Amino acid sequence: MRKCAAKSSERRLASSNGLLRGALAVAGPFLSVVGRNVRGMKLNMGGITIDSHDPRALAEFWTKALDLEVVLDADGFFLQLSSRTRPEQPYLGLQKVPEDRAGKNRVHIDFSTEDREGEVDRLVSLGATNVETHDVPGLTWTVLRDPEGNEFCVGSAHAR
């Protein structure tokens, strides 16, 4: 399973490095995007994996929410979802675990958009739960939960 996922992500990362390299030359060194920006660092971001009680069922939500497709299904134990239109983006992995999520997520995904309210409404219609909205100078974000209770945020910047 790991070999298949690694080969797929290596192909995707190899094809994306040329695109990202040009963008980063303008934007600056971001450690989590391309490892070549820091001397001696050999890591690239492959993806983010969410523990799940039922990865196939949860994939129904995330494929619609992010316009992803399942590119690897390792017998329902691990699913790798990738973007149809933006293959340079990290993949989203869904991995089967025996226990339900308990307590607060230690890591979560942040998404950004210019239409936070519209995206929150769309995600809720797909099965997410709206938890709460926060507002600080320059930024508003909404905390949501996917159908298994995994938290993620949708934010938008605004004028100060």
N, C-alpha and C. Protein backbone atom coordinates (compact mmCIF):
# COMPACT_ATOMS: atom_id res chain seq x y z
N MET A 1 0.81 -1.19 0.00
CA MET A 1 0.00 0.00 0.00
C MET A 1 0.86 1.25 0.00
N ARG A 2 1.85 1.32 0.84
CA ARG A 2 2.68 2.51 0.91
C ARG A 2 3.47 2.72 -0.38
N LYS A 3 3.92 1.63 -1.01
CA LYS A 3 4.66 1.77 -2.25
C LYS A 3 3.79 2.39 -3.33
N CYS A 4 2.53 1.96 -3.43
CA CYS A 4 1.63 2.51 -4.45
C CYS A 4 1.39 3.99 -4.20
N ALA A 5 1.10 4.34 -2.94
CA ALA A 5 0.84 5.74 -2.62
C ALA A 5 2.07 6.58 -2.87
N ALA A 6 3.24 6.06 -2.51
CA ALA A 6 4.47 6.83 -2.70
C ALA A 6 4.75 7.06 -4.18
N LYS A 7 4.58 6.02 -5.00
CA LYS A 7 4.86 6.18 -6.43
C LYS A 7 3.93 7.20 -7.05
N SER A 8 2.64 7.14 -6.68
CA SER A 8 1.68 8.09 -7.24
C SER A 8 2.02 9.51 -6.83
N SER A 9 2.32 9.70 -5.54
CA SER A 9 2.63 11.06 -5.08
C SER A 9 3.96 11.53 -5.65
N GLU A 10 4.93 10.61 -5.83
CA GLU A 10 6.21 11.01 -6.42
C GLU A 10 6.02 11.50 -7.85
N ARG A 11 5.18 10.79 -8.62
CA ARG A 11 4.91 11.23 -10.00
C ARG A 11 4.27 12.60 -9.99
N ARG A 12 3.29 12.81 -9.10
CA ARG A 12 2.59 14.08 -9.04
C ARG A 12 3.54 15.18 -8.60
N LEU A 13 4.36 14.91 -7.58
CA LEU A 13 5.29 15.92 -7.10
C LEU A 13 6.35 16.23 -8.14
N ALA A 14 6.82 15.20 -8.83
CA ALA A 14 7.83 15.44 -9.86
C ALA A 14 7.28 16.35 -10.95
N SER A 15 6.02 16.15 -11.31
CA SER A 15 5.44 16.98 -12.35
C SER A 15 5.14 18.38 -11.84
N SER A 16 4.94 18.52 -10.53
CA SER A 16 4.58 19.83 -10.00
C SER A 16 5.80 20.68 -9.66
N ASN A 17 6.95 20.06 -9.44
CA ASN A 17 8.12 20.83 -9.01
C ASN A 17 8.49 21.93 -9.98
N GLY A 18 8.40 21.68 -11.27
CA GLY A 18 8.72 22.71 -12.24
C GLY A 18 7.77 23.89 -12.14
N LEU A 19 6.50 23.62 -11.94
CA LEU A 19 5.51 24.69 -11.81
C LEU A 19 5.72 25.47 -10.52
N LEU A 20 5.94 24.75 -9.44
CA LEU A 20 6.09 25.41 -8.15
C LEU A 20 7.39 26.19 -8.05
N ARG A 21 8.44 25.66 -8.63
CA ARG A 21 9.74 26.30 -8.53
C ARG A 21 9.68 27.73 -9.06
N GLY A 22 9.04 27.92 -10.20
CA GLY A 22 8.93 29.26 -10.78
C GLY A 22 8.11 30.18 -9.90
N ALA A 23 7.04 29.67 -9.32
CA ALA A 23 6.18 30.49 -8.46
C ALA A 23 6.92 30.86 -7.18
N LEU A 24 7.70 29.94 -6.64
CA LEU A 24 8.38 30.21 -5.38
C LEU A 24 9.51 31.21 -5.54
N ALA A 25 10.10 31.27 -6.71
CA ALA A 25 11.18 32.24 -6.93
C ALA A 25 10.66 33.65 -6.72
N VAL A 26 9.40 33.88 -7.01
CA VAL A 26 8.80 35.19 -6.83
C VAL A 26 8.28 35.35 -5.40
N ALA A 27 7.64 34.28 -4.89
CA ALA A 27 6.95 34.37 -3.61
C ALA A 27 7.87 34.23 -2.40
N GLY A 28 8.99 33.56 -2.53
CA GLY A 28 9.89 33.39 -1.40
C GLY A 28 9.97 31.94 -0.95
N PRO A 29 10.82 31.61 0.00
CA PRO A 29 11.00 30.23 0.43
C PRO A 29 9.92 29.80 1.43
N PHE A 30 9.12 28.83 1.04
CA PHE A 30 8.12 28.26 1.94
C PHE A 30 8.54 26.84 2.24
N LEU A 31 8.84 26.57 3.50
CA LEU A 31 9.42 25.28 3.88
C LEU A 31 8.52 24.11 3.56
N SER A 32 7.21 24.25 3.68
CA SER A 32 6.33 23.10 3.51
C SER A 32 5.96 22.84 2.06
N VAL A 33 6.42 23.65 1.13
CA VAL A 33 6.03 23.45 -0.27
C VAL A 33 7.08 22.67 -1.03
N VAL A 34 8.27 23.15 -1.11
CA VAL A 34 9.32 22.47 -1.87
C VAL A 34 10.59 22.44 -1.02
N GLY A 35 11.07 21.22 -0.73
CA GLY A 35 12.20 21.04 0.17
C GLY A 35 13.49 21.67 -0.30
N ARG A 36 13.64 21.96 -1.58
CA ARG A 36 14.89 22.52 -2.09
C ARG A 36 15.14 23.95 -1.62
N ASN A 37 14.19 24.56 -0.96
CA ASN A 37 14.35 25.93 -0.52
C ASN A 37 15.25 26.06 0.71
N VAL A 38 15.52 24.95 1.39
CA VAL A 38 16.37 24.98 2.57
C VAL A 38 17.51 24.00 2.35
N ARG A 39 18.73 24.48 2.49
CA ARG A 39 19.91 23.64 2.27
C ARG A 39 19.83 22.39 3.15
N GLY A 40 20.03 21.26 2.51
CA GLY A 40 20.04 19.99 3.23
C GLY A 40 18.68 19.35 3.41
N MET A 41 17.60 20.08 3.19
CA MET A 41 16.27 19.52 3.36
C MET A 41 15.87 18.75 2.11
N LYS A 42 15.45 17.52 2.28
CA LYS A 42 15.11 16.66 1.15
C LYS A 42 13.64 16.26 1.15
N LEU A 43 12.81 16.95 1.92
CA LEU A 43 11.40 16.58 2.05
C LEU A 43 10.50 17.45 1.18
N ASN A 44 9.45 16.85 0.66
CA ASN A 44 8.39 17.55 -0.03
C ASN A 44 7.07 17.15 0.61
N MET A 45 6.11 18.05 0.61
CA MET A 45 4.79 17.75 1.15
C MET A 45 4.08 16.82 0.18
N GLY A 46 3.76 15.60 0.63
CA GLY A 46 3.05 14.65 -0.22
C GLY A 46 1.56 14.81 -0.07
N GLY A 47 1.10 14.84 1.17
CA GLY A 47 -0.32 14.97 1.42
C GLY A 47 -0.62 15.03 2.89
N ILE A 48 -1.90 15.09 3.18
CA ILE A 48 -2.40 15.12 4.55
C ILE A 48 -3.36 13.95 4.69
N THR A 49 -3.21 13.16 5.75
CA THR A 49 -4.05 11.99 5.95
C THR A 49 -4.93 12.18 7.18
N ILE A 50 -6.20 11.86 7.01
CA ILE A 50 -7.19 11.95 8.07
C ILE A 50 -7.55 10.53 8.50
N ASP A 51 -7.51 10.26 9.80
CA ASP A 51 -7.98 8.98 10.31
C ASP A 51 -9.49 8.93 10.16
N SER A 52 -10.00 7.75 9.82
CA SER A 52 -11.41 7.61 9.52
C SER A 52 -11.93 6.24 9.93
N HIS A 53 -13.15 6.20 10.41
CA HIS A 53 -13.79 4.93 10.73
C HIS A 53 -14.21 4.21 9.45
N ASP A 54 -14.63 5.00 8.44
CA ASP A 54 -15.06 4.44 7.16
C ASP A 54 -14.55 5.33 6.02
N PRO A 55 -13.31 5.10 5.56
CA PRO A 55 -12.71 5.96 4.54
C PRO A 55 -13.54 6.10 3.26
N ARG A 56 -14.16 5.03 2.80
CA ARG A 56 -14.94 5.13 1.57
C ARG A 56 -16.14 6.04 1.74
N ALA A 57 -16.82 5.95 2.87
CA ALA A 57 -17.97 6.84 3.11
C ALA A 57 -17.51 8.28 3.25
N LEU A 58 -16.40 8.50 3.96
CA LEU A 58 -15.90 9.86 4.14
C LEU A 58 -15.40 10.44 2.82
N ALA A 59 -14.90 9.60 1.94
CA ALA A 59 -14.44 10.06 0.62
C ALA A 59 -15.59 10.68 -0.17
N GLU A 60 -16.80 10.21 0.04
CA GLU A 60 -17.95 10.80 -0.66
C GLU A 60 -18.06 12.29 -0.34
N PHE A 61 -17.86 12.66 0.92
CA PHE A 61 -17.91 14.07 1.31
C PHE A 61 -16.74 14.85 0.71
N TRP A 62 -15.50 14.37 0.95
CA TRP A 62 -14.32 15.15 0.56
C TRP A 62 -14.15 15.26 -0.95
N THR A 63 -14.56 14.24 -1.72
CA THR A 63 -14.45 14.36 -3.18
C THR A 63 -15.36 15.47 -3.69
N LYS A 64 -16.55 15.58 -3.11
CA LYS A 64 -17.47 16.65 -3.52
C LYS A 64 -17.03 18.01 -2.96
N ALA A 65 -16.57 18.02 -1.74
CA ALA A 65 -16.20 19.28 -1.09
C ALA A 65 -15.03 19.96 -1.79
N LEU A 66 -14.05 19.17 -2.25
CA LEU A 66 -12.83 19.74 -2.81
C LEU A 66 -12.63 19.42 -4.30
N ASP A 67 -13.63 18.86 -4.94
CA ASP A 67 -13.53 18.46 -6.35
C ASP A 67 -12.31 17.55 -6.55
N LEU A 68 -12.26 16.49 -5.75
CA LEU A 68 -11.17 15.51 -5.81
C LEU A 68 -11.70 14.21 -6.40
N GLU A 69 -10.77 13.35 -6.77
CA GLU A 69 -11.15 12.02 -7.20
C GLU A 69 -10.29 11.00 -6.46
N VAL A 70 -10.84 9.81 -6.26
CA VAL A 70 -10.09 8.74 -5.62
C VAL A 70 -9.12 8.18 -6.66
N VAL A 71 -7.83 8.32 -6.38
CA VAL A 71 -6.81 7.82 -7.31
C VAL A 71 -6.18 6.52 -6.81
N LEU A 72 -6.42 6.20 -5.54
CA LEU A 72 -5.93 4.95 -4.97
C LEU A 72 -6.91 4.50 -3.90
N ASP A 73 -7.34 3.25 -4.00
CA ASP A 73 -8.18 2.64 -2.96
C ASP A 73 -7.50 1.34 -2.59
N ALA A 74 -6.84 1.32 -1.45
CA ALA A 74 -6.11 0.14 -0.97
C ALA A 74 -7.07 -0.71 -0.13
N ASP A 75 -8.02 -1.31 -0.82
CA ASP A 75 -8.97 -2.24 -0.21
C ASP A 75 -9.76 -1.60 0.93
N GLY A 76 -10.04 -0.30 0.82
CA GLY A 76 -10.83 0.39 1.83
C GLY A 76 -10.04 0.81 3.06
N PHE A 77 -8.79 0.35 3.19
CA PHE A 77 -7.98 0.71 4.34
C PHE A 77 -7.41 2.12 4.19
N PHE A 78 -6.98 2.47 2.98
CA PHE A 78 -6.41 3.78 2.72
C PHE A 78 -6.89 4.25 1.35
N LEU A 79 -7.41 5.47 1.29
CA LEU A 79 -7.81 6.07 0.03
C LEU A 79 -7.00 7.33 -0.17
N GLN A 80 -6.51 7.53 -1.37
CA GLN A 80 -5.79 8.75 -1.72
C GLN A 80 -6.66 9.53 -2.69
N LEU A 81 -6.97 10.79 -2.34
CA LEU A 81 -7.79 11.66 -3.16
C LEU A 81 -6.91 12.78 -3.70
N SER A 82 -7.02 13.04 -4.99
CA SER A 82 -6.23 14.09 -5.62
C SER A 82 -7.11 14.97 -6.49
N SER A 83 -6.62 16.16 -6.76
CA SER A 83 -7.36 17.14 -7.55
C SER A 83 -7.35 16.79 -9.02
N ARG A 84 -8.50 16.91 -9.65
CA ARG A 84 -8.61 16.70 -11.10
C ARG A 84 -7.97 17.86 -11.85
N THR A 85 -8.16 19.06 -11.34
CA THR A 85 -7.75 20.27 -12.06
C THR A 85 -6.44 20.86 -11.56
N ARG A 86 -6.00 20.48 -10.36
CA ARG A 86 -4.77 21.04 -9.79
C ARG A 86 -3.91 19.91 -9.21
N PRO A 87 -3.31 19.09 -10.07
CA PRO A 87 -2.55 17.93 -9.59
C PRO A 87 -1.32 18.30 -8.77
N GLU A 88 -0.90 19.56 -8.79
CA GLU A 88 0.26 19.96 -7.98
C GLU A 88 -0.08 20.07 -6.49
N GLN A 89 -1.36 20.08 -6.16
CA GLN A 89 -1.75 20.18 -4.75
C GLN A 89 -1.47 18.88 -4.02
N PRO A 90 -1.16 18.96 -2.72
CA PRO A 90 -0.98 17.73 -1.93
C PRO A 90 -2.25 16.88 -1.97
N TYR A 91 -2.08 15.57 -1.86
CA TYR A 91 -3.24 14.69 -1.83
C TYR A 91 -3.89 14.71 -0.45
N LEU A 92 -5.13 14.26 -0.39
CA LEU A 92 -5.82 14.05 0.88
C LEU A 92 -5.96 12.55 1.05
N GLY A 93 -5.42 12.02 2.13
CA GLY A 93 -5.51 10.59 2.42
C GLY A 93 -6.56 10.34 3.48
N LEU A 94 -7.25 9.24 3.36
CA LEU A 94 -8.22 8.79 4.36
C LEU A 94 -7.82 7.39 4.77
N GLN A 95 -7.50 7.22 6.06
CA GLN A 95 -6.96 5.96 6.55
C GLN A 95 -7.88 5.36 7.60
N LYS A 96 -8.20 4.09 7.44
CA LYS A 96 -9.10 3.40 8.37
C LYS A 96 -8.42 3.18 9.72
N VAL A 97 -9.12 3.55 10.78
CA VAL A 97 -8.67 3.29 12.14
C VAL A 97 -9.85 2.70 12.91
N PRO A 98 -9.58 1.88 13.92
CA PRO A 98 -10.68 1.21 14.62
C PRO A 98 -11.48 2.13 15.56
N GLU A 99 -10.85 3.17 16.06
CA GLU A 99 -11.52 4.01 17.05
C GLU A 99 -12.12 5.26 16.40
N ASP A 100 -13.17 5.80 17.03
CA ASP A 100 -13.74 7.07 16.60
C ASP A 100 -12.84 8.20 17.08
N ARG A 101 -12.97 9.36 16.45
CA ARG A 101 -12.21 10.52 16.88
C ARG A 101 -12.67 10.90 18.28
N ALA A 102 -11.72 11.21 19.15
CA ALA A 102 -12.04 11.62 20.51
C ALA A 102 -11.29 12.91 20.82
N GLY A 103 -11.98 13.90 21.37
CA GLY A 103 -11.34 15.16 21.72
C GLY A 103 -11.09 16.04 20.52
N LYS A 104 -10.33 17.09 20.76
CA LYS A 104 -10.03 18.07 19.72
C LYS A 104 -8.95 17.55 18.78
N ASN A 105 -9.11 17.86 17.49
CA ASN A 105 -8.05 17.51 16.53
C ASN A 105 -6.75 18.19 16.93
N ARG A 106 -5.64 17.48 16.84
CA ARG A 106 -4.34 18.08 17.11
C ARG A 106 -3.83 18.82 15.89
N VAL A 107 -4.28 18.42 14.71
CA VAL A 107 -3.93 19.07 13.45
C VAL A 107 -5.22 19.20 12.66
N HIS A 108 -5.35 20.31 11.96
CA HIS A 108 -6.52 20.45 11.08
C HIS A 108 -6.11 21.17 9.81
N ILE A 109 -6.98 21.13 8.81
CA ILE A 109 -6.71 21.75 7.52
C ILE A 109 -7.40 23.11 7.48
N ASP A 110 -6.68 24.12 7.01
CA ASP A 110 -7.24 25.46 6.79
C ASP A 110 -7.41 25.68 5.30
N PHE A 111 -8.59 26.11 4.90
CA PHE A 111 -8.87 26.46 3.51
C PHE A 111 -9.15 27.95 3.44
N SER A 112 -8.83 28.58 2.33
CA SER A 112 -9.10 30.01 2.18
C SER A 112 -9.97 30.23 0.94
N THR A 113 -10.76 31.29 0.99
CA THR A 113 -11.66 31.63 -0.11
C THR A 113 -12.06 33.09 0.03
N GLU A 114 -12.47 33.68 -1.07
CA GLU A 114 -13.00 35.04 -1.02
C GLU A 114 -14.47 35.03 -0.61
N ASP A 115 -15.15 33.88 -0.73
CA ASP A 115 -16.57 33.76 -0.40
C ASP A 115 -16.75 32.74 0.73
N ARG A 116 -16.30 33.11 1.93
CA ARG A 116 -16.36 32.20 3.07
C ARG A 116 -17.79 31.75 3.36
N GLU A 117 -18.72 32.67 3.42
CA GLU A 117 -20.11 32.32 3.76
C GLU A 117 -20.71 31.36 2.73
N GLY A 118 -20.45 31.63 1.45
CA GLY A 118 -20.97 30.76 0.39
C GLY A 118 -20.37 29.37 0.46
N GLU A 119 -19.05 29.29 0.71
CA GLU A 119 -18.39 27.99 0.82
C GLU A 119 -18.86 27.23 2.05
N VAL A 120 -19.05 27.93 3.16
CA VAL A 120 -19.54 27.27 4.37
C VAL A 120 -20.93 26.69 4.10
N ASP A 121 -21.80 27.46 3.48
CA ASP A 121 -23.15 26.97 3.14
C ASP A 121 -23.07 25.74 2.24
N ARG A 122 -22.19 25.77 1.24
CA ARG A 122 -22.04 24.65 0.32
C ARG A 122 -21.55 23.41 1.05
N LEU A 123 -20.55 23.57 1.93
CA LEU A 123 -19.99 22.43 2.67
C LEU A 123 -21.02 21.85 3.63
N VAL A 124 -21.80 22.70 4.27
CA VAL A 124 -22.86 22.21 5.16
C VAL A 124 -23.88 21.41 4.35
N SER A 125 -24.22 21.87 3.15
CA SER A 125 -25.18 21.14 2.32
C SER A 125 -24.65 19.77 1.90
N LEU A 126 -23.32 19.61 1.91
CA LEU A 126 -22.70 18.33 1.57
C LEU A 126 -22.56 17.38 2.76
N GLY A 127 -22.81 17.91 3.97
CA GLY A 127 -22.73 17.06 5.16
C GLY A 127 -21.84 17.55 6.28
N ALA A 128 -21.17 18.69 6.09
CA ALA A 128 -20.34 19.25 7.17
C ALA A 128 -21.24 19.87 8.24
N THR A 129 -20.68 20.05 9.41
CA THR A 129 -21.37 20.72 10.51
C THR A 129 -20.67 22.04 10.79
N ASN A 130 -21.43 23.11 10.85
CA ASN A 130 -20.89 24.43 11.18
C ASN A 130 -20.74 24.51 12.70
N VAL A 131 -19.51 24.69 13.18
CA VAL A 131 -19.25 24.69 14.62
C VAL A 131 -19.28 26.11 15.17
N GLU A 132 -18.43 27.00 14.64
CA GLU A 132 -18.41 28.37 15.11
C GLU A 132 -17.59 29.24 14.17
N THR A 133 -17.83 30.54 14.24
CA THR A 133 -17.11 31.50 13.42
C THR A 133 -16.31 32.43 14.32
N HIS A 134 -15.11 32.76 13.88
CA HIS A 134 -14.21 33.66 14.61
C HIS A 134 -13.86 34.84 13.72
N ASP A 135 -13.64 35.98 14.34
CA ASP A 135 -13.32 37.19 13.59
C ASP A 135 -12.25 37.96 14.35
N VAL A 136 -11.14 38.22 13.67
CA VAL A 136 -10.07 39.06 14.22
C VAL A 136 -9.74 40.08 13.14
N PRO A 137 -9.07 41.16 13.49
CA PRO A 137 -8.74 42.14 12.45
C PRO A 137 -8.01 41.49 11.27
N GLY A 138 -8.60 41.61 10.09
CA GLY A 138 -7.98 41.10 8.88
C GLY A 138 -8.39 39.69 8.48
N LEU A 139 -9.10 38.96 9.35
CA LEU A 139 -9.41 37.57 9.04
C LEU A 139 -10.69 37.12 9.74
N THR A 140 -11.51 36.40 9.00
CA THR A 140 -12.68 35.72 9.56
C THR A 140 -12.59 34.27 9.14
N TRP A 141 -12.83 33.33 10.06
CA TRP A 141 -12.82 31.92 9.70
C TRP A 141 -13.93 31.18 10.43
N THR A 142 -14.38 30.12 9.79
CA THR A 142 -15.42 29.27 10.34
C THR A 142 -14.85 27.88 10.57
N VAL A 143 -15.08 27.34 11.76
CA VAL A 143 -14.69 25.98 12.09
C VAL A 143 -15.85 25.07 11.69
N LEU A 144 -15.52 24.02 10.94
CA LEU A 144 -16.52 23.03 10.54
C LEU A 144 -16.04 21.64 10.92
N ARG A 145 -16.94 20.67 10.86
CA ARG A 145 -16.58 19.26 11.05
C ARG A 145 -17.08 18.48 9.85
N ASP A 146 -16.25 17.55 9.38
CA ASP A 146 -16.70 16.67 8.30
C ASP A 146 -17.68 15.65 8.90
N PRO A 147 -18.29 14.79 8.10
CA PRO A 147 -19.29 13.85 8.62
C PRO A 147 -18.80 12.92 9.73
N GLU A 148 -17.49 12.72 9.88
CA GLU A 148 -16.98 11.90 10.98
C GLU A 148 -16.51 12.75 12.16
N GLY A 149 -16.66 14.07 12.08
CA GLY A 149 -16.30 14.92 13.20
C GLY A 149 -14.92 15.53 13.14
N ASN A 150 -14.18 15.32 12.06
CA ASN A 150 -12.84 15.91 11.92
C ASN A 150 -12.98 17.39 11.60
N GLU A 151 -12.32 18.22 12.39
CA GLU A 151 -12.45 19.67 12.23
C GLU A 151 -11.54 20.20 11.12
N PHE A 152 -12.05 21.23 10.43
CA PHE A 152 -11.29 21.99 9.43
C PHE A 152 -11.84 23.39 9.42
N CYS A 153 -11.10 24.32 8.86
CA CYS A 153 -11.52 25.73 8.86
C CYS A 153 -11.58 26.29 7.44
N VAL A 154 -12.51 27.21 7.27
CA VAL A 154 -12.63 27.96 6.03
C VAL A 154 -12.54 29.43 6.40
N GLY A 155 -11.54 30.13 5.84
CA GLY A 155 -11.31 31.53 6.21
C GLY A 155 -11.22 32.44 5.01
N SER A 156 -11.38 33.71 5.32
CA SER A 156 -11.19 34.74 4.28
C SER A 156 -10.61 35.99 4.92
N ALA A 157 -9.69 36.58 4.21
CA ALA A 157 -9.10 37.84 4.66
C ALA A 157 -10.05 38.97 4.32
N HIS A 158 -10.00 40.01 5.10
CA HIS A 158 -10.78 41.20 4.81
C HIS A 158 -10.00 42.43 5.17
N ALA A 159 -10.43 43.57 4.63
CA ALA A 159 -9.73 44.83 4.89
C ALA A 159 -9.74 45.13 6.36
N ARG A 160 -8.66 45.72 6.83
CA ARG A 160 -8.56 46.05 8.26
C ARG A 160 -9.25 47.33 8.58
